């Protein structure tokens, strides 16, 4: 891996795919103000910007009203120009199993059942709801998550403990048939083995006739791993997990230093 300054400048970039937390968003979890004029410049050059996140589509659409494409729920749903391009769901047996696992463990966990139309929770304490609000704008509170009537895209579990410890202890039983992904220090996602951000990026490339060489991707955590393989211009943030740094071709400045903006200006000679 080399530094971002070694990446090509005035490159033929047609697609930019960018993770949110720890990547584009600043230390307070906000989109940097300098991003918006840069997004207009991307559009002027016919470069498609796609936020890629564990967040739901409704949340990403509210955060990025100017984007054309959204990779939401860690790649389980892709939306382009308001049209759902693809979804990958979780079977009901697994949904029920994860609900029961969360209820039965001694760990302090809260579950979000992530549906196509809404997110669903049953835990209502302020500490948990505060975390859910960051990622799920469209949400409903139910008395029993077993009653969810929606296409379930993934199960997102917030832990007040260390997610890397909780995942193997609580959700190992699901790993044979599903992905159990630690998406950051406090979130664990259970979803289809077919779903990830990388698969979503490749579907976009195929649909729009864009090559990996024309694709720039930015990430910082383990749920970004497959995505880095989909773009030849792959950047790990300076604050990234060691596995992400090892997988990326280039190292970008940290999110707190506006690394995505710095690299995009370099790539496009802005």
Protein backbone atom coordinates (compact mmCIF):
# COMPACT_ATOMS: atom_id res chain seq x y z
CA UNK A 1 0.00 0.00 0.00
CA UNK A 2 1.26 3.47 -0.89
CA UNK A 3 0.20 6.96 0.09
CA UNK A 4 -2.63 8.78 -1.67
CA UNK A 5 -0.20 11.19 -3.27
CA UNK A 6 1.00 8.28 -5.44
CA UNK A 7 -2.47 7.74 -6.89
CA UNK A 8 -3.02 9.02 -10.45
CA UNK A 9 -4.22 12.57 -10.91
CA UNK A 10 -6.72 13.75 -13.52
CA UNK A 11 -7.85 10.10 -13.54
CA UNK A 12 -10.71 8.68 -15.59
CA UNK A 13 -13.04 8.23 -12.60
CA UNK A 14 -16.71 7.54 -13.30
CA UNK A 15 -17.85 6.08 -9.97
CA UNK A 16 -17.00 7.05 -6.38
CA UNK A 17 -18.24 4.76 -3.63
CA UNK A 18 -17.76 5.94 -0.09
CA UNK A 19 -18.42 4.52 3.36
CA UNK A 20 -19.81 6.92 5.97
CA UNK A 21 -18.67 6.57 9.61
CA UNK A 22 -14.93 6.83 9.98
CA UNK A 23 -14.57 7.57 6.26
CA UNK A 24 -16.48 10.53 4.84
CA UNK A 25 -18.18 11.77 8.01
CA UNK A 26 -16.17 13.93 10.39
CA UNK A 27 -15.47 13.27 14.07
CA UNK A 28 -18.95 14.51 15.04
CA UNK A 29 -20.67 12.23 12.52
CA UNK A 30 -21.54 15.02 10.08
CA UNK A 31 -20.95 15.41 6.35
CA UNK A 32 -18.16 18.01 5.95
CA UNK A 33 -19.46 21.30 4.57
CA UNK A 34 -16.77 21.22 1.88
CA UNK A 35 -18.28 18.04 0.45
CA UNK A 36 -21.31 19.70 -1.16
CA UNK A 37 -19.51 21.90 -3.70
CA UNK A 38 -17.30 18.89 -4.48
CA UNK A 39 -20.41 16.77 -5.13
CA UNK A 40 -21.59 19.38 -7.66
CA UNK A 41 -18.21 19.16 -9.38
CA UNK A 42 -18.53 15.38 -9.54
CA UNK A 43 -21.93 15.72 -11.20
CA UNK A 44 -20.57 18.29 -13.65
CA UNK A 45 -17.99 15.70 -14.70
CA UNK A 46 -20.59 12.89 -14.95
CA UNK A 47 -19.05 11.08 -11.99
CA UNK A 48 -21.61 9.09 -10.00
CA UNK A 49 -21.28 9.34 -6.21
CA UNK A 50 -22.73 6.47 -4.18
CA UNK A 51 -22.80 6.49 -0.37
CA UNK A 52 -22.31 2.93 0.89
CA UNK A 53 -23.34 2.27 4.44
CA UNK A 54 -24.97 0.04 7.00
CA UNK A 55 -27.55 2.80 7.28
CA UNK A 56 -30.97 2.31 5.73
CA UNK A 57 -31.88 3.82 2.37
CA UNK A 58 -34.23 6.40 3.89
CA UNK A 59 -31.42 7.71 6.08
CA UNK A 60 -28.92 7.93 3.22
CA UNK A 61 -31.45 9.65 0.97
CA UNK A 62 -32.03 12.27 3.66
CA UNK A 63 -28.28 12.74 4.20
CA UNK A 64 -27.42 12.90 0.46
CA UNK A 65 -30.35 14.35 -1.50
CA UNK A 66 -28.05 15.00 -4.45
CA UNK A 67 -26.81 11.44 -4.92
CA UNK A 68 -28.05 9.23 -7.77
CA UNK A 69 -27.24 5.85 -6.24
CA UNK A 70 -27.40 4.50 -2.71
CA UNK A 71 -25.87 1.30 -1.35
CA UNK A 72 -27.73 0.80 1.92
CA UNK A 73 -27.92 -1.80 4.69
CA UNK A 74 -24.38 -2.99 3.85
CA UNK A 75 -25.29 -3.81 0.27
CA UNK A 76 -28.54 -5.66 0.87
CA UNK A 77 -30.44 -2.95 -1.03
CA UNK A 78 -29.30 -0.75 -3.94
CA UNK A 79 -31.39 2.18 -5.15
CA UNK A 80 -30.67 4.18 -8.32
CA UNK A 81 -32.63 7.31 -9.21
CA UNK A 82 -35.43 6.31 -6.85
CA UNK A 83 -35.78 2.78 -8.22
CA UNK A 84 -34.86 -0.30 -6.19
CA UNK A 85 -32.26 -2.11 -8.29
CA UNK A 86 -31.74 -5.11 -6.01
CA UNK A 87 -32.48 -6.53 -2.57
CA UNK A 88 -31.18 -9.56 -0.71
CA UNK A 89 -33.28 -10.73 2.20
CA UNK A 90 -32.92 -12.94 5.28
CA UNK A 91 -35.17 -15.97 5.77
CA UNK A 92 -37.76 -15.93 8.55
CA UNK A 93 -36.15 -18.79 10.48
CA UNK A 94 -32.96 -16.76 10.84
CA UNK A 95 -34.87 -13.62 11.76
CA UNK A 96 -36.63 -15.48 14.58
CA UNK A 97 -33.39 -17.11 15.68
CA UNK A 98 -31.52 -13.82 15.99
CA UNK A 99 -34.41 -12.24 17.90
CA UNK A 100 -34.31 -15.12 20.40
CA UNK A 101 -30.50 -15.02 20.66
CA UNK A 102 -30.57 -11.32 21.54
CA UNK A 103 -33.25 -11.89 24.17
CA UNK A 104 -31.50 -14.86 25.77
CA UNK A 105 -27.93 -13.56 26.11
CA UNK A 106 -26.48 -11.90 29.20
CA UNK A 107 -24.83 -9.25 27.02
CA UNK A 108 -26.48 -5.84 26.86
CA UNK A 109 -27.83 -5.91 23.28
CA UNK A 110 -30.48 -4.13 21.27
CA UNK A 111 -31.81 -5.45 17.96
CA UNK A 112 -32.91 -3.60 14.84
CA UNK A 113 -34.82 -5.70 12.32
CA UNK A 114 -33.99 -3.90 9.07
CA UNK A 115 -36.86 -4.15 6.63
CA UNK A 116 -37.22 -2.82 3.12
CA UNK A 117 -39.94 -0.37 4.20
CA UNK A 118 -38.83 0.43 7.74
CA UNK A 119 -36.59 -0.52 10.65
CA UNK A 120 -38.22 -2.19 13.65
CA UNK A 121 -37.24 -2.20 17.32
CA UNK A 122 -38.81 -3.38 20.55
CA UNK A 123 -36.28 -2.00 23.03
CA UNK A 124 -37.22 1.58 23.95
CA UNK A 125 -34.67 2.87 26.50
CA UNK A 126 -33.08 6.19 25.60
CA UNK A 127 -29.51 4.87 25.43
CA UNK A 128 -30.39 2.33 22.73
CA UNK A 129 -32.84 4.52 20.80
CA UNK A 130 -30.21 7.28 20.62
CA UNK A 131 -27.93 4.90 18.72
CA UNK A 132 -30.71 3.69 16.43
CA UNK A 133 -31.74 7.24 15.49
CA UNK A 134 -28.32 7.86 13.94
CA UNK A 135 -28.84 5.19 11.28
CA UNK A 136 -32.58 4.58 10.88
CA UNK A 137 -34.83 7.52 10.01
CA UNK A 138 -37.77 5.30 9.08
CA UNK A 139 -38.46 3.13 12.11
CA UNK A 140 -41.29 1.61 14.10
CA UNK A 141 -41.50 0.30 17.65
CA UNK A 142 -43.27 -3.03 18.12
CA UNK A 143 -44.18 -5.03 21.19
CA UNK A 144 -42.75 -8.17 19.59
CA UNK A 145 -40.21 -8.24 16.75
CA UNK A 146 -41.45 -11.69 15.77
CA UNK A 147 -44.49 -9.90 14.29
CA UNK A 148 -42.55 -7.85 11.72
CA UNK A 149 -44.36 -8.00 8.36
CA UNK A 150 -41.74 -6.80 5.89
CA UNK A 151 -38.94 -8.08 3.66
CA UNK A 152 -36.04 -8.30 6.14
CA UNK A 153 -32.71 -7.22 4.66
CA UNK A 154 -30.51 -7.75 7.71
CA UNK A 155 -30.47 -7.94 11.50
CA UNK A 156 -28.43 -5.16 13.11
CA UNK A 157 -27.43 -5.64 16.73
CA UNK A 158 -26.14 -2.81 18.89
CA UNK A 159 -23.98 -3.91 21.81
CA UNK A 160 -22.91 -1.81 24.75
CA UNK A 161 -20.01 -4.27 25.01
CA UNK A 162 -17.28 -4.91 22.41
CA UNK A 163 -18.85 -6.12 19.16
CA UNK A 164 -15.77 -8.20 18.30
CA UNK A 165 -16.31 -10.17 21.51
CA UNK A 166 -20.09 -10.41 21.29
CA UNK A 167 -20.25 -11.59 17.66
CA UNK A 168 -18.59 -15.01 18.13
CA UNK A 169 -20.14 -15.58 21.55
CA UNK A 170 -23.75 -14.87 20.61
CA UNK A 171 -24.06 -15.31 16.86
CA UNK A 172 -21.61 -18.10 15.96
CA UNK A 173 -24.56 -20.45 15.35
CA UNK A 174 -25.58 -18.36 12.32
CA UNK A 175 -22.16 -18.29 10.63
CA UNK A 176 -22.64 -21.55 8.74
CA UNK A 177 -25.39 -20.10 6.55
CA UNK A 178 -25.14 -16.33 7.01
CA UNK A 179 -22.63 -13.54 7.38
CA UNK A 180 -21.96 -12.26 10.87
CA UNK A 181 -20.15 -8.97 10.29
CA UNK A 182 -18.66 -6.62 12.87
CA UNK A 183 -19.45 -3.31 11.19
CA UNK A 184 -17.89 -1.14 13.90
CA UNK A 185 -16.95 -1.38 17.55
CA UNK A 186 -20.58 -1.54 18.70
CA UNK A 187 -22.57 -3.03 15.81
CA UNK A 188 -22.90 -6.58 14.52
CA UNK A 189 -24.85 -7.37 11.33
CA UNK A 190 -26.35 -10.73 10.43
CA UNK A 191 -27.26 -10.98 6.74
CA UNK A 192 -27.21 -13.21 3.67
CA UNK A 193 -23.91 -14.67 2.53
CA UNK A 194 -24.67 -13.14 -0.88
CA UNK A 195 -24.81 -9.58 0.45
CA UNK A 196 -21.93 -7.14 0.81
CA UNK A 197 -20.95 -3.71 -0.43
CA UNK A 198 -18.55 -5.19 -2.97
CA UNK A 199 -21.26 -7.18 -4.72
CA UNK A 200 -23.41 -4.07 -4.85
CA UNK A 201 -20.58 -2.06 -6.43
CA UNK A 202 -20.00 -4.73 -9.06
CA UNK A 203 -23.70 -4.74 -9.91
CA UNK A 204 -23.51 -0.98 -10.46
CA UNK A 205 -20.40 -1.31 -12.62
CA UNK A 206 -22.10 -3.90 -14.80
CA UNK A 207 -25.31 -1.91 -15.10
CA UNK A 208 -23.59 1.36 -16.01
CA UNK A 209 -20.64 0.02 -18.05
CA UNK A 210 -18.04 1.19 -15.54
CA UNK A 211 -14.77 -0.67 -15.05
CA UNK A 212 -12.91 -1.28 -11.77
CA UNK A 213 -10.19 1.03 -13.12
CA UNK A 214 -12.78 3.84 -13.26
CA UNK A 215 -13.98 3.19 -9.72
CA UNK A 216 -12.69 4.87 -6.55
CA UNK A 217 -13.71 3.34 -3.21
CA UNK A 218 -13.09 4.57 0.33
CA UNK A 219 -13.50 2.59 3.55
CA UNK A 220 -12.33 2.15 7.10
CA UNK A 221 -13.90 -0.94 8.67
CA UNK A 222 -14.47 -4.64 8.10
CA UNK A 223 -17.82 -4.28 6.31
CA UNK A 224 -15.90 -2.35 3.60
CA UNK A 225 -13.49 -5.19 2.85
CA UNK A 226 -15.19 -6.67 -0.23
CA UNK A 227 -15.86 -3.20 -1.58
CA UNK A 228 -12.15 -2.43 -1.80
CA UNK A 229 -11.71 -5.31 -4.23
CA UNK A 230 -14.27 -3.78 -6.61
CA UNK A 231 -12.28 -0.64 -7.37
CA UNK A 232 -8.70 -0.34 -8.54
CA UNK A 233 -8.56 3.09 -6.90
CA UNK A 234 -9.09 1.68 -3.39
CA UNK A 235 -8.34 3.86 -0.37
CA UNK A 236 -8.14 2.97 3.31
CA UNK A 237 -8.46 5.86 5.70
CA UNK A 238 -5.49 6.51 8.01
CA UNK A 239 -7.80 5.59 10.90
CA UNK A 240 -8.88 2.31 9.25
CA UNK A 241 -8.87 -1.18 10.72
CA UNK A 242 -5.56 -2.98 10.00
CA UNK A 243 -7.27 -5.47 7.68
CA UNK A 244 -8.67 -2.62 5.60
CA UNK A 245 -5.28 -0.95 5.40
CA UNK A 246 -3.79 -4.24 4.22
CA UNK A 247 -6.46 -4.70 1.53
CA UNK A 248 -6.43 -1.20 0.04
CA UNK A 249 -4.08 -0.03 -2.69
CA UNK A 250 -3.64 3.47 -1.22
CA UNK A 251 -3.72 5.11 2.21
CA UNK A 252 -5.82 8.29 2.53
CA UNK A 253 -5.69 10.89 5.30
CA UNK A 254 -8.08 10.21 8.18
CA UNK A 255 -11.74 11.17 8.16
CA UNK A 256 -11.01 13.87 10.74
CA UNK A 257 -8.53 15.40 8.26
CA UNK A 258 -11.02 15.33 5.38
CA UNK A 259 -9.21 12.49 3.63
CA UNK A 260 -11.95 11.65 1.10
CA UNK A 261 -12.15 15.27 -0.06
CA UNK A 262 -8.36 15.57 -0.33
CA UNK A 263 -8.06 12.41 -2.40
CA UNK A 264 -10.95 13.24 -4.73
CA UNK A 265 -9.49 16.65 -5.48
CA UNK A 266 -6.20 14.93 -6.29
CA UNK A 267 -7.76 12.22 -8.47
CA UNK A 268 -9.80 14.70 -10.48
CA UNK A 269 -7.19 17.48 -10.51
CA UNK A 270 -9.59 19.93 -8.91
